[in-house]
Amino acid sequence: MSGQRSAQWYGGTDRNAYIHRAWMRRGLPAHAFDGRPHIAIANTASDLTPCNSHLDEVAESVKQGVYEAGGIPLNLPVVSLGETQVRPTAMLWRNMAAMATEEMLRANPIDGVVLLGGCDKTIPALLMAAASVDLPAVVVPGGPMLTGTFRGVPLGCGTDVWKLSEEVRAGTLSEEQFLRSESSMIRSRGHCNTMGTASTMALVAEALGTTIPGFAGTPAPDSRLLERAHDTGRLAVELVAEQRRPSHLLTRGSFLNAIVALAAIGGSTNAVVHLLAIAGRLGIELTQDDFDRTGGGVPLLVDLQPAGRFLMDDLYRAGGLLAVLREVRDLLDPDALTVTGRPLVDYLDEAQIWDHEVIRVRDQPLLPHAGIAVLHGNLAPSGAIIKPAAASPHLLRHRGRAMVFDSVEDLHARIDDPDLDVDADSVLVLRGCGPRGYPGMPEVANLPLPAKLLRAGVRDMVRICDGRMSGTAYGTVVLHVAPEAAVGGPLARLRTGDVIVLDVEARRLDVDLPEGEWESRPPDAATVRAYAAPKRGWERLYVDTVQQADTGADLDFLIGSSGDEVARESH
């Protein structure tokens, strides 16, 4: 055999090589072991990950492309996380999925890998794994669903769940009508059709250079998705031949390009923890503040829910990510490469905007400054983030009394109490929802508003949490507060009635207390009792080793790369 990595398993005439070949001879001909590259298809298809349930069909198109280019495709099912299904939160297992995928890629006789993802955590986990094992790798995003309609208007999955459920609580929508919308919202295969985390991470993966340019955002039912999947299979064979590995392609400039894209599309705040984690696997210096420095001045150009009006199939027909990036080309690193071996900016010349309502030109943006704002102050010494494009402008500078909830259970028990001491100026605070405290940073930061205020017409309030929120969510929500309450962060010492000062323009988040009082307070006892305290299994390992949100919430022993070498034989 040739110098392929798989030759370490299949080359030679000894007993071990015989075993490796013989057990694969269940349809593979003898010439499958003559030096052709073996390409794994890391497949997150699962019936319990509804957004990825179609990926077996996509994998077949990838296989055809690999075969056509002279490679041997091999389906490799990997851990799949259904954002809408798993409890307590998919984020608890992102690092496990990444670790398991990394180990399977390293342990098996493969030369390269195609990464099939879609639902929120699947693309980040796959990229974390690929970065750590550093085999030639390329992403196939599963694509968004088509737009559903209800009562004659488009429905944005996720975003309209939050809106409609609040209308029920406000008494302006019946439960019967609410439940009737359920079958209308999910119209087809594919992930969320808003600019939620799944859509964001697919587009960010393209901006990083890890997909074929122009691929991300192709709707899941669109025949062109299968065409591009076929092309990706062909490209995977080329990647192995040219030895284009993640460590060769991905640079700090690649990540800064992803941050520019994140701002221009109005992407999910969850991209912050995912990009930080991927960069950490590559040893690339990237900090939470880079998201503000690089993305804070970027205009919002995509009019998509939750920050705007349209949905993902509108973005695709309007020109897609490349048309957006052409408008901010001067902000991109011109040397950052893609999996094709060419720079990302090379693909922008022919990009066009076909619908100027969906994608705005640079001098007519939805907002002149988008991106993620990173806040610091005595309530968030290591930082917190907010998405101004999804917030109410009048609340971006605000002063109000805190109403503190010690846990999610406390929130559910009291939020609709008619005697809850809140008004429209109050600041709702939920703590104990960070990586260690919950565990896993659940998407609960966009707290429901008190029912009595909803009935009075209030539709947004300042909310603060050490957890995350869905990329489909909206509102004036400060999240990822670090350090979290469970590791001794200031949030644990906050009390109901304390005055909180939010100033997004000044990038500040503070509690207004006399000097010395803040530091002398002990953590709230009820909050401490609610922290997660697992005794075994993955949750125990996670709580003992997970890092904070401001560095990506990866496990401390998974930072960096171990490469693809395996020193010892199995027989």
Protein backbone atom coordinates (compact mmCIF):
# COMPACT_ATOMS: atom_id res chain seq x y z
CA MET A 1 0.00 0.00 0.00
CA SER A 2 0.94 3.66 -0.29
CA GLY A 3 1.84 6.05 2.51
CA GLN A 4 -1.80 6.58 3.55
CA ARG A 5 -2.52 6.49 7.28
CA SER A 6 -4.90 3.57 6.69
CA ALA A 7 -1.92 1.58 5.39
CA GLN A 8 -0.75 1.30 9.00
CA TRP A 9 -3.72 -1.06 9.46
CA TYR A 10 -4.10 -2.70 6.08
CA GLY A 11 -0.58 -2.83 4.59
CA GLY A 12 1.54 -5.95 4.88
CA THR A 13 1.04 -9.70 5.12
CA ASP A 14 1.26 -10.29 8.87
CA ARG A 15 -1.55 -11.52 11.10
CA ASN A 16 -2.72 -8.08 12.20
CA ALA A 17 -2.99 -6.70 8.67
CA TYR A 18 -4.87 -9.87 7.69
CA ILE A 19 -7.37 -9.33 10.54
CA HIS A 20 -7.91 -5.66 9.68
CA ARG A 21 -8.56 -6.43 6.01
CA ALA A 22 -10.56 -9.64 6.45
CA TRP A 23 -13.12 -8.14 8.79
CA MET A 24 -13.73 -5.30 6.33
CA ARG A 25 -14.26 -7.71 3.41
CA ARG A 26 -18.04 -7.56 3.72
CA GLY A 27 -18.53 -5.84 0.42
CA LEU A 28 -15.17 -4.12 0.07
CA PRO A 29 -13.16 -5.60 -2.83
CA ALA A 30 -9.46 -6.35 -2.67
CA HIS A 31 -8.57 -3.10 -4.42
CA ALA A 32 -10.10 -1.14 -1.53
CA PHE A 33 -6.79 -1.80 0.21
CA ASP A 34 -4.44 -0.85 -2.63
CA GLY A 35 -3.69 2.63 -1.29
CA ARG A 36 -6.99 4.40 -1.89
CA PRO A 37 -7.81 6.93 0.84
CA HIS A 38 -10.36 5.74 3.39
CA ILE A 39 -12.78 8.54 4.24
CA ALA A 40 -14.94 8.37 7.35
CA ILE A 41 -18.34 10.04 7.26
CA ALA A 42 -18.86 11.20 10.85
CA ASN A 43 -22.62 11.00 10.80
CA THR A 44 -24.83 12.55 13.50
CA ALA A 45 -28.07 11.18 12.03
CA SER A 46 -30.53 10.13 14.73
CA ASP A 47 -34.29 9.89 15.06
CA LEU A 48 -33.85 11.54 18.46
CA THR A 49 -32.06 14.46 16.85
CA PRO A 50 -34.98 15.52 14.64
CA CYS A 51 -33.02 18.21 12.84
CA ASN A 52 -30.46 15.59 11.70
CA SER A 53 -32.84 12.74 10.87
CA HIS A 54 -32.21 13.14 7.13
CA LEU A 55 -28.41 12.89 7.30
CA ASP A 56 -28.30 9.20 6.30
CA GLU A 57 -29.61 10.28 2.89
CA VAL A 58 -27.01 13.05 2.76
CA ALA A 59 -24.33 10.53 3.69
CA GLU A 60 -25.23 8.46 0.62
CA SER A 61 -24.47 11.44 -1.62
CA VAL A 62 -21.17 11.98 0.18
CA LYS A 63 -20.33 8.29 -0.39
CA GLN A 64 -20.97 8.60 -4.11
CA GLY A 65 -18.64 11.57 -4.31
CA VAL A 66 -15.90 9.75 -2.39
CA TYR A 67 -16.21 6.71 -4.67
CA GLU A 68 -16.16 8.87 -7.79
CA ALA A 69 -12.92 10.50 -6.67
CA GLY A 70 -11.27 7.15 -5.99
CA GLY A 71 -11.73 6.90 -2.25
CA ILE A 72 -13.39 4.41 0.07
CA PRO A 73 -16.28 5.96 2.07
CA LEU A 74 -17.09 4.54 5.50
CA ASN A 75 -20.14 5.52 7.55
CA LEU A 76 -19.19 6.30 11.16
CA PRO A 77 -22.17 7.07 13.41
CA VAL A 78 -21.09 9.39 16.21
CA VAL A 79 -22.74 10.90 19.29
CA SER A 80 -25.72 13.01 18.25
CA LEU A 81 -27.36 15.66 20.42
CA GLY A 82 -30.95 16.71 19.79
CA GLU A 83 -31.23 20.23 21.18
CA THR A 84 -34.98 20.01 21.55
CA GLN A 85 -34.96 16.57 23.16
CA VAL A 86 -32.17 15.91 25.66
CA ARG A 87 -32.30 16.92 29.31
CA PRO A 88 -31.00 18.73 31.24
CA THR A 89 -29.27 20.46 28.29
CA ALA A 90 -27.39 19.43 25.15
CA MET A 91 -24.48 21.62 26.22
CA LEU A 92 -23.73 19.11 29.00
CA TRP A 93 -22.68 16.62 26.31
CA ARG A 94 -21.08 18.82 23.66
CA ASN A 95 -17.64 18.08 25.06
CA MET A 96 -18.45 14.36 25.40
CA ALA A 97 -19.57 14.22 21.75
CA ALA A 98 -16.37 16.00 20.73
CA MET A 99 -14.19 13.69 22.82
CA ALA A 100 -15.89 10.51 21.62
CA THR A 101 -15.70 11.59 17.98
CA GLU A 102 -12.04 12.56 18.35
CA GLU A 103 -11.19 9.17 19.83
CA MET A 104 -13.05 7.25 17.12
CA LEU A 105 -11.38 9.23 14.34
CA ARG A 106 -7.96 8.56 15.86
CA ALA A 107 -8.60 4.90 16.65
CA ASN A 108 -9.86 3.84 13.22
CA PRO A 109 -8.01 3.23 9.92
CA ILE A 110 -9.06 6.40 8.14
CA ASP A 111 -7.21 9.08 6.19
CA GLY A 112 -9.77 11.88 6.24
CA VAL A 113 -13.26 12.69 7.44
CA VAL A 114 -16.47 14.36 6.27
CA LEU A 115 -18.36 15.89 9.20
CA LEU A 116 -22.17 15.69 8.90
CA GLY A 117 -23.89 18.01 11.37
CA GLY A 118 -26.85 20.30 11.69
CA CYS A 119 -28.51 20.61 15.09
CA ASP A 120 -26.95 23.15 17.42
CA LYS A 121 -24.17 21.22 19.18
CA THR A 122 -23.37 18.77 16.38
CA ILE A 123 -21.27 21.02 14.13
CA PRO A 124 -19.31 22.56 17.06
CA ALA A 125 -18.61 19.11 18.55
CA LEU A 126 -17.49 17.73 15.19
CA LEU A 127 -15.18 20.68 14.57
CA MET A 128 -13.71 20.40 18.07
CA ALA A 129 -13.00 16.72 17.40
CA ALA A 130 -11.51 17.34 13.97
CA ALA A 131 -9.29 20.09 15.35
CA SER A 132 -7.94 17.81 18.07
CA VAL A 133 -7.24 14.77 15.89
CA ASP A 134 -6.14 16.98 12.96
CA LEU A 135 -7.01 14.68 10.08
CA PRO A 136 -8.07 16.28 6.78
CA ALA A 137 -11.70 17.27 7.46
CA VAL A 138 -14.59 19.06 5.79
CA VAL A 139 -18.09 19.94 7.03
CA VAL A 140 -21.42 19.12 5.38
CA PRO A 141 -24.15 21.24 7.07
CA GLY A 142 -27.54 19.51 7.09
CA GLY A 143 -29.44 22.68 6.21
CA PRO A 144 -32.48 24.55 7.56
CA MET A 145 -36.11 23.50 7.21
CA LEU A 146 -38.54 25.25 4.89
CA THR A 147 -40.79 28.00 6.18
CA GLY A 148 -44.09 26.94 7.73
CA THR A 149 -47.12 29.22 8.04
CA PHE A 150 -49.85 29.68 10.63
CA ARG A 151 -52.89 31.92 10.26
CA GLY A 152 -51.48 33.07 6.93
CA VAL A 153 -48.10 34.29 8.19
CA PRO A 154 -44.63 32.67 8.24
CA LEU A 155 -43.53 30.91 11.41
CA GLY A 156 -39.97 31.08 12.64
CA CYS A 157 -39.25 27.88 14.54
CA GLY A 158 -38.04 28.62 18.03
CA THR A 159 -38.54 32.38 17.84
CA ASP A 160 -42.30 32.09 17.38
CA VAL A 161 -42.48 29.46 20.11
CA TRP A 162 -41.27 32.10 22.56
CA LYS A 163 -43.65 34.73 21.14
CA LEU A 164 -46.74 32.53 20.99
CA SER A 165 -46.21 31.00 24.43
CA GLU A 166 -45.96 34.47 25.96
CA GLU A 167 -49.18 35.45 24.21
CA VAL A 168 -50.90 32.49 25.85
CA ARG A 169 -49.60 33.60 29.24
CA ALA A 170 -50.73 37.15 28.50
CA GLY A 171 -54.24 35.89 27.66
CA THR A 172 -54.17 37.13 24.03
CA LEU A 173 -53.90 33.66 22.40
CA SER A 174 -55.90 30.56 23.31
CA GLU A 175 -54.15 27.32 24.17
CA GLU A 176 -56.11 25.63 21.38
CA GLN A 177 -54.70 28.03 18.78
CA PHE A 178 -51.22 27.72 20.28
CA LEU A 179 -51.29 23.93 19.98
CA ARG A 180 -52.69 24.14 16.47
CA SER A 181 -49.55 26.01 15.39
CA GLU A 182 -47.42 23.04 16.50
CA SER A 183 -47.88 21.04 13.31
CA SER A 184 -47.43 24.12 11.13
CA MET A 185 -44.10 25.22 12.52
CA ILE A 186 -41.97 22.22 11.50
CA ARG A 187 -42.73 21.97 7.80
CA SER A 188 -39.89 19.79 6.53
CA ARG A 189 -36.67 18.04 7.38
CA GLY A 190 -33.80 20.28 8.54
CA HIS A 191 -32.80 22.40 11.50
CA CYS A 192 -34.31 25.67 12.74
CA ASN A 193 -35.07 28.15 9.97
CA THR A 194 -34.36 31.22 12.11
CA MET A 195 -30.88 32.60 12.73
CA GLY A 196 -30.61 30.28 15.71
CA THR A 197 -27.53 28.37 16.75
CA ALA A 198 -27.83 25.67 14.08
CA SER A 199 -28.05 28.17 11.21
CA THR A 200 -25.40 30.33 12.82
CA MET A 201 -22.89 27.51 13.26
CA ALA A 202 -23.38 26.30 9.70
CA LEU A 203 -22.69 29.79 8.34
CA VAL A 204 -19.83 30.31 10.80
CA ALA A 205 -18.32 26.98 9.70
CA GLU A 206 -18.33 28.33 6.15
CA ALA A 207 -16.77 31.61 7.25
CA LEU A 208 -14.07 29.62 9.05
CA GLY A 209 -13.30 27.91 5.77
CA THR A 210 -14.43 24.40 6.74
CA THR A 211 -17.20 23.94 4.13
CA ILE A 212 -17.29 24.31 0.39
CA PRO A 213 -17.91 28.06 -0.06
CA GLY A 214 -21.56 28.77 -0.80
CA PHE A 215 -22.81 25.54 0.78
CA ALA A 216 -24.00 26.62 4.23
CA GLY A 217 -27.64 27.65 4.43
CA THR A 218 -28.81 25.39 1.59
CA PRO A 219 -32.26 24.22 2.77
CA ALA A 220 -32.36 20.58 3.82
CA PRO A 221 -35.04 19.54 1.25
CA ASP A 222 -33.28 21.38 -1.61
CA SER A 223 -31.79 19.03 -4.22
CA ARG A 224 -28.67 21.20 -4.28
CA LEU A 225 -27.85 20.01 -0.76
CA LEU A 226 -27.28 16.50 -2.10
CA GLU A 227 -25.32 17.89 -5.04
CA ARG A 228 -22.99 19.79 -2.70
CA ALA A 229 -22.72 16.74 -0.44
CA HIS A 230 -21.53 14.76 -3.46
CA ASP A 231 -19.00 17.48 -4.25
CA THR A 232 -17.81 17.40 -0.65
CA GLY A 233 -17.16 13.67 -0.90
CA ARG A 234 -14.95 14.33 -3.92
CA LEU A 235 -13.20 17.15 -2.08
CA ALA A 236 -12.47 14.92 0.92
CA VAL A 237 -10.30 12.69 -1.27
CA GLU A 238 -8.45 15.77 -2.53
CA LEU A 239 -7.93 16.98 1.04
CA VAL A 240 -6.15 13.74 1.89
CA ALA A 241 -4.02 13.87 -1.25
CA GLU A 242 -2.97 17.44 -0.49
CA GLN A 243 -2.85 16.85 3.31
CA ARG A 244 -4.94 19.92 4.05
CA ARG A 245 -5.47 19.55 7.76
CA PRO A 246 -7.38 21.85 10.14
CA SER A 247 -4.11 23.01 11.69
CA HIS A 248 -2.90 24.08 8.22
CA LEU A 249 -6.06 25.90 7.23
CA LEU A 250 -7.42 27.47 10.39
CA THR A 251 -5.64 30.56 11.69
CA ARG A 252 -6.51 33.43 13.99
CA GLY A 253 -7.59 35.26 10.83
CA SER A 254 -10.06 32.46 10.08
CA PHE A 255 -11.68 32.96 13.47
CA LEU A 256 -11.79 36.72 13.10
CA ASN A 257 -13.52 36.21 9.73
CA ALA A 258 -16.05 34.02 11.53
CA ILE A 259 -16.67 36.79 14.07
CA VAL A 260 -17.25 39.33 11.28
CA ALA A 261 -19.72 36.93 9.69
CA LEU A 262 -21.42 36.32 13.05
CA ALA A 263 -22.04 40.04 13.45
CA ALA A 264 -23.19 40.68 9.87
CA ILE A 265 -25.76 37.85 9.97
CA GLY A 266 -27.00 38.66 13.49
CA GLY A 267 -25.93 35.21 14.66
CA SER A 268 -26.52 33.35 17.89
CA THR A 269 -24.71 34.21 21.13
CA ASN A 270 -23.96 30.48 21.44
CA ALA A 271 -21.36 30.86 18.70
CA VAL A 272 -19.15 32.58 21.28
CA VAL A 273 -18.64 29.50 23.46
CA HIS A 274 -18.33 27.24 20.43
CA LEU A 275 -15.73 29.30 18.57
CA LEU A 276 -13.71 29.75 21.75
CA ALA A 277 -13.74 25.99 22.30
CA ILE A 278 -12.72 25.17 18.70
CA ALA A 279 -9.90 27.72 18.84
CA GLY A 280 -8.73 26.20 22.14
CA ARG A 281 -8.39 22.80 20.48
CA LEU A 282 -6.11 24.36 17.84
CA GLY A 283 -4.04 26.43 20.24
CA ILE A 284 -5.19 29.64 18.55
CA GLU A 285 -5.33 32.69 20.77
CA LEU A 286 -8.92 33.88 20.86
CA THR A 287 -10.71 35.62 23.70
CA GLN A 288 -14.26 36.64 24.46
CA ASP A 289 -13.24 40.29 24.04
CA ASP A 290 -12.22 39.54 20.42
CA PHE A 291 -15.92 39.17 19.63
CA ASP A 292 -16.50 42.77 20.71
CA ARG A 293 -13.32 44.25 19.24
CA THR A 294 -13.77 42.56 15.86
CA GLY A 295 -17.54 42.31 15.59
CA GLY A 296 -18.80 45.32 17.54
CA GLY A 297 -18.47 47.75 14.65
CA VAL A 298 -19.80 45.41 11.96
CA PRO A 299 -23.22 46.39 10.53
CA LEU A 300 -26.14 43.99 10.74
CA LEU A 301 -26.97 43.17 7.12
CA VAL A 302 -29.32 40.18 7.34
CA ASP A 303 -32.98 40.82 8.16
CA LEU A 304 -33.71 37.45 9.75
CA GLN A 305 -35.56 36.32 12.85
CA PRO A 306 -35.00 36.76 15.76
CA ALA A 307 -33.30 40.11 15.01
CA GLY A 308 -35.40 40.75 11.88
CA ARG A 309 -38.27 39.47 9.73
CA PHE A 310 -37.23 36.76 7.28
CA LEU A 311 -36.12 33.12 7.52
CA MET A 312 -33.28 30.94 6.27
CA ASP A 313 -34.71 29.88 2.92
CA ASP A 314 -35.14 33.61 2.22
CA LEU A 315 -31.45 34.17 2.97
CA TYR A 316 -30.47 31.36 0.62
CA ARG A 317 -32.52 32.68 -2.31
CA ALA A 318 -31.29 36.22 -1.59
CA GLY A 319 -27.66 35.27 -2.15
CA GLY A 320 -26.53 33.48 0.99
CA LEU A 321 -23.50 34.08 3.15
CA LEU A 322 -21.13 34.95 0.31
CA ALA A 323 -23.34 37.87 -0.72
CA VAL A 324 -23.30 39.10 2.88
CA LEU A 325 -19.53 38.77 3.18
CA ARG A 326 -18.96 40.65 -0.06
CA GLU A 327 -20.44 43.73 1.64
CA VAL A 328 -17.86 43.53 4.46
CA ARG A 329 -14.96 42.23 2.40
CA ASP A 330 -12.61 44.92 3.68
CA LEU A 331 -13.05 43.57 7.23
CA LEU A 332 -11.99 40.03 6.29
CA ASP A 333 -8.53 38.49 6.47
CA PRO A 334 -7.62 38.04 2.79
CA ASP A 335 -5.17 35.22 3.52
CA ALA A 336 -7.52 32.94 5.47
CA LEU A 337 -7.96 29.73 3.47
CA THR A 338 -10.87 27.37 2.92
CA VAL A 339 -10.91 23.59 2.51
CA THR A 340 -10.57 24.10 -1.24
CA GLY A 341 -7.09 25.53 -0.72
CA ARG A 342 -8.18 28.97 -1.89
CA PRO A 343 -8.82 32.02 0.32
CA LEU A 344 -12.39 32.74 1.35
CA VAL A 345 -12.28 36.18 -0.27
CA ASP A 346 -11.66 34.56 -3.68
CA TYR A 347 -15.27 33.41 -3.67
CA LEU A 348 -16.81 36.83 -3.14
CA ASP A 349 -16.31 38.40 -6.57
CA GLU A 350 -19.30 36.71 -8.20
CA ALA A 351 -21.59 36.85 -5.15
CA GLN A 352 -24.69 38.99 -5.59
CA ILE A 353 -27.61 40.15 -3.50
CA TRP A 354 -30.85 39.10 -5.18
CA ASP A 355 -33.22 40.47 -2.56
CA HIS A 356 -32.19 43.71 -0.89
CA GLU A 357 -34.90 43.38 1.73
CA VAL A 358 -33.35 40.19 3.11
CA ILE A 359 -29.68 41.16 2.67
CA ARG A 360 -28.91 44.84 3.02
CA VAL A 361 -26.06 46.68 1.36
CA ARG A 362 -23.33 48.05 3.59
CA ASP A 363 -24.54 51.66 3.62
CA GLN A 364 -28.17 50.70 4.38
CA PRO A 365 -27.87 48.21 7.26
CA LEU A 366 -30.53 47.14 9.71
CA LEU A 367 -28.19 48.35 12.45
CA PRO A 368 -24.90 50.22 12.00
CA HIS A 369 -23.23 48.24 14.80
CA ALA A 370 -24.17 44.63 15.42
CA GLY A 371 -22.16 41.76 16.83
CA ILE A 372 -21.90 40.64 20.42
CA ALA A 373 -21.26 43.20 23.17
CA VAL A 374 -19.01 41.98 25.99
CA LEU A 375 -19.77 43.54 29.37
CA HIS A 376 -17.53 43.80 32.43
CA GLY A 377 -18.14 45.08 35.94
CA ASN A 378 -18.47 43.99 39.54
CA LEU A 379 -21.31 41.64 38.59
CA ALA A 380 -19.28 40.00 35.79
CA PRO A 381 -15.53 40.28 36.48
CA SER A 382 -14.68 37.80 33.69
CA GLY A 383 -17.33 39.15 31.38
CA ALA A 384 -20.88 38.65 30.20
CA ILE A 385 -22.42 39.02 26.77
CA ILE A 386 -25.50 40.57 25.18
CA LYS A 387 -26.81 40.62 21.62
CA PRO A 388 -27.89 44.23 21.00
CA ALA A 389 -29.61 43.35 17.72
CA ALA A 390 -32.10 41.15 19.60
CA ALA A 391 -32.59 43.60 22.49
CA SER A 392 -34.93 46.54 23.04
CA PRO A 393 -32.99 49.76 22.36
CA HIS A 394 -34.55 51.60 25.31
CA LEU A 395 -33.27 48.94 27.72
CA LEU A 396 -29.64 48.94 26.60
CA ARG A 397 -29.00 51.58 29.24
CA HIS A 398 -30.99 50.74 32.32
CA ARG A 399 -31.10 50.93 36.10
CA GLY A 400 -33.46 48.76 38.11
CA ARG A 401 -34.06 46.67 41.20
CA ALA A 402 -33.05 43.01 41.03
CA MET A 403 -35.60 40.24 41.39
CA VAL A 404 -33.40 37.20 42.04
CA PHE A 405 -34.31 33.56 41.41
CA ASP A 406 -32.03 30.99 43.03
CA SER A 407 -32.71 28.18 40.57
CA VAL A 408 -34.86 27.25 37.61
CA GLU A 409 -37.27 25.57 40.02
CA ASP A 410 -37.52 28.78 42.05
CA LEU A 411 -38.21 30.69 38.84
CA HIS A 412 -41.02 28.37 37.78
CA ALA A 413 -42.56 28.45 41.24
CA ARG A 414 -42.71 32.23 41.56
CA ILE A 415 -42.62 33.94 38.17
CA ASP A 416 -46.42 34.06 37.81
CA ASP A 417 -47.17 34.86 41.44
CA PRO A 418 -49.48 37.90 41.34
CA ASP A 419 -47.76 39.18 44.48
CA LEU A 420 -44.26 39.07 42.94
CA ASP A 421 -42.64 42.41 43.76
CA VAL A 422 -41.71 43.47 40.24
CA ASP A 423 -42.53 46.23 37.79
CA ALA A 424 -41.45 46.96 34.23
CA ASP A 425 -38.16 48.48 35.44
CA SER A 426 -37.14 45.47 37.52
CA VAL A 427 -34.18 43.33 36.46
CA LEU A 428 -34.91 39.60 36.48
CA VAL A 429 -31.90 37.54 37.60
CA LEU A 430 -31.55 33.76 37.39
CA ARG A 431 -28.41 32.15 38.85
CA GLY A 432 -27.01 28.67 39.32
CA CYS A 433 -27.27 27.95 35.57
CA GLY A 434 -23.62 28.06 34.56
CA PRO A 435 -21.46 25.17 33.33
CA ARG A 436 -20.97 23.69 36.81
CA GLY A 437 -24.05 24.89 38.64
CA TYR A 438 -26.77 23.34 36.48
CA PRO A 439 -24.71 21.53 35.02
CA GLY A 440 -24.13 22.40 31.38
CA MET A 441 -25.37 25.97 30.83
CA PRO A 442 -29.02 25.44 29.83
CA GLU A 443 -30.87 27.77 27.47
CA VAL A 444 -32.89 29.45 30.21
CA ALA A 445 -31.40 32.97 30.25
CA ASN A 446 -34.35 34.44 28.33
CA LEU A 447 -36.55 34.18 31.42
CA PRO A 448 -40.31 34.30 30.84
CA LEU A 449 -41.75 37.63 31.92
CA PRO A 450 -44.06 37.74 34.94
CA ALA A 451 -47.64 37.03 33.88
CA LYS A 452 -49.01 40.14 35.57
CA LEU A 453 -46.62 42.32 33.54
CA LEU A 454 -47.46 40.51 30.31
CA ARG A 455 -51.12 41.24 30.93
CA ALA A 456 -50.18 44.90 31.45
CA GLY A 457 -48.54 44.98 28.00
CA VAL A 458 -44.87 44.58 28.96
CA ARG A 459 -42.98 42.56 26.34
CA ASP A 460 -39.33 42.95 27.36
CA MET A 461 -37.31 43.42 30.53
CA VAL A 462 -33.62 43.29 31.37
CA ARG A 463 -32.73 39.72 32.29
CA ILE A 464 -29.40 38.43 33.63
CA CYS A 465 -28.19 34.83 33.90
CA ASP A 466 -25.02 32.73 34.07
CA GLY A 467 -26.60 30.32 31.58
CA ARG A 468 -27.25 30.59 27.84
CA MET A 469 -30.27 31.29 25.67
CA SER A 470 -31.44 29.71 22.46
CA GLY A 471 -30.14 31.37 19.34
CA THR A 472 -33.77 31.67 18.29
CA ALA A 473 -34.57 33.74 21.40
CA TYR A 474 -34.74 37.51 21.68
CA GLY A 475 -34.93 40.24 24.27
CA THR A 476 -32.61 42.32 26.45
CA VAL A 477 -30.83 39.35 27.93
CA VAL A 478 -27.38 39.44 29.56
CA LEU A 479 -25.98 35.94 29.63
CA HIS A 480 -22.82 33.83 30.09
CA VAL A 481 -22.07 35.82 33.25
CA ALA A 482 -18.61 34.73 34.43
CA PRO A 483 -17.51 33.56 36.84
CA GLU A 484 -20.78 31.72 37.37
CA ALA A 485 -22.43 31.62 40.77
CA ALA A 486 -21.42 28.00 41.39
CA VAL A 487 -17.70 28.79 41.37
CA GLY A 488 -18.02 31.79 43.64
CA GLY A 489 -18.94 34.43 41.09
CA PRO A 490 -20.55 37.66 42.35
CA LEU A 491 -23.96 36.57 41.07
CA ALA A 492 -24.15 34.24 44.11
CA ARG A 493 -24.08 37.24 46.47
CA LEU A 494 -26.75 39.30 44.74
CA ARG A 495 -29.97 39.96 46.67
CA THR A 496 -33.46 40.91 45.59
CA GLY A 497 -33.73 44.69 45.79
CA ASP A 498 -30.10 45.40 44.88
CA VAL A 499 -29.86 48.04 42.16
CA ILE A 500 -28.31 46.81 38.91
CA VAL A 501 -26.84 49.18 36.35
CA LEU A 502 -26.60 48.06 32.72
CA ASP A 503 -24.83 50.27 30.20
CA VAL A 504 -24.20 48.43 26.94
CA GLU A 505 -22.57 51.39 25.23
CA ALA A 506 -20.05 51.66 28.09
CA ARG A 507 -19.83 47.82 28.21
CA ARG A 508 -20.65 47.79 31.93
CA LEU A 509 -22.69 45.53 34.21
CA ASP A 510 -22.59 46.53 37.87
CA VAL A 511 -24.50 46.33 41.12
CA ASP A 512 -24.72 49.67 42.89
CA LEU A 513 -23.61 49.00 46.46
CA PRO A 514 -21.38 50.80 48.96
CA GLU A 515 -17.71 49.87 48.74
CA GLY A 516 -16.93 46.84 50.86
CA GLU A 517 -20.48 45.55 51.31
CA TRP A 518 -20.45 43.50 48.13
CA GLU A 519 -17.28 41.56 48.95
CA SER A 520 -18.32 40.90 52.55
CA ARG A 521 -21.57 39.12 51.67
CA PRO A 522 -21.64 35.30 51.81
CA PRO A 523 -23.14 33.35 48.88
CA ASP A 524 -26.89 32.86 49.13
CA ALA A 525 -27.60 29.58 50.93
CA ALA A 526 -30.63 28.64 48.80
CA THR A 527 -28.59 29.09 45.64
CA VAL A 528 -25.76 26.91 46.94
CA ARG A 529 -28.22 24.12 47.82
CA ALA A 530 -29.51 24.11 44.24
CA TYR A 531 -26.10 23.57 42.59
CA ALA A 532 -25.54 20.29 40.78
CA ALA A 533 -23.63 17.71 42.83
CA PRO A 534 -23.32 14.57 40.68
CA LYS A 535 -21.62 11.55 42.24
CA ARG A 536 -20.73 9.51 39.15
CA GLY A 537 -20.56 9.30 35.39
CA TRP A 538 -20.14 12.01 32.81
CA GLU A 539 -21.83 14.67 34.94
CA ARG A 540 -19.24 14.14 37.68
CA LEU A 541 -16.36 14.38 35.22
CA TYR A 542 -17.93 17.43 33.62
CA VAL A 543 -18.55 19.35 36.84
CA ASP A 544 -15.05 18.57 38.11
CA THR A 545 -13.23 19.73 34.96
CA VAL A 546 -15.38 22.15 32.92
CA GLN A 547 -14.06 25.64 32.36
CA GLN A 548 -16.04 28.86 32.40
CA ALA A 549 -18.08 30.38 29.57
CA ASP A 550 -15.58 33.14 28.86
CA THR A 551 -13.04 30.53 27.66
CA GLY A 552 -15.47 28.23 25.82
CA ALA A 553 -16.69 25.86 28.55
CA ASP A 554 -14.48 23.01 27.35
CA LEU A 555 -13.04 20.45 29.78
CA ASP A 556 -9.65 21.53 31.09
CA PHE A 557 -7.90 18.31 29.97
CA LEU A 558 -9.28 18.52 26.41
CA ILE A 559 -7.66 21.84 25.52
CA GLY A 560 -5.25 21.41 22.63
CA SER A 561 -4.63 18.58 20.18
CA SER A 562 -3.33 15.02 20.39
CA GLY A 563 -2.93 14.44 16.66
CA ASP A 564 -3.79 11.26 14.77
CA GLU A 565 -1.02 8.90 15.88
CA VAL A 566 -1.85 5.58 17.57
CA ALA A 567 1.29 3.83 18.82
CA ARG A 568 0.11 0.31 19.68
CA GLU A 569 -1.59 -2.57 17.88
CA SER A 570 -4.82 -4.18 19.05
CA HIS A 571 -3.84 -7.86 18.58
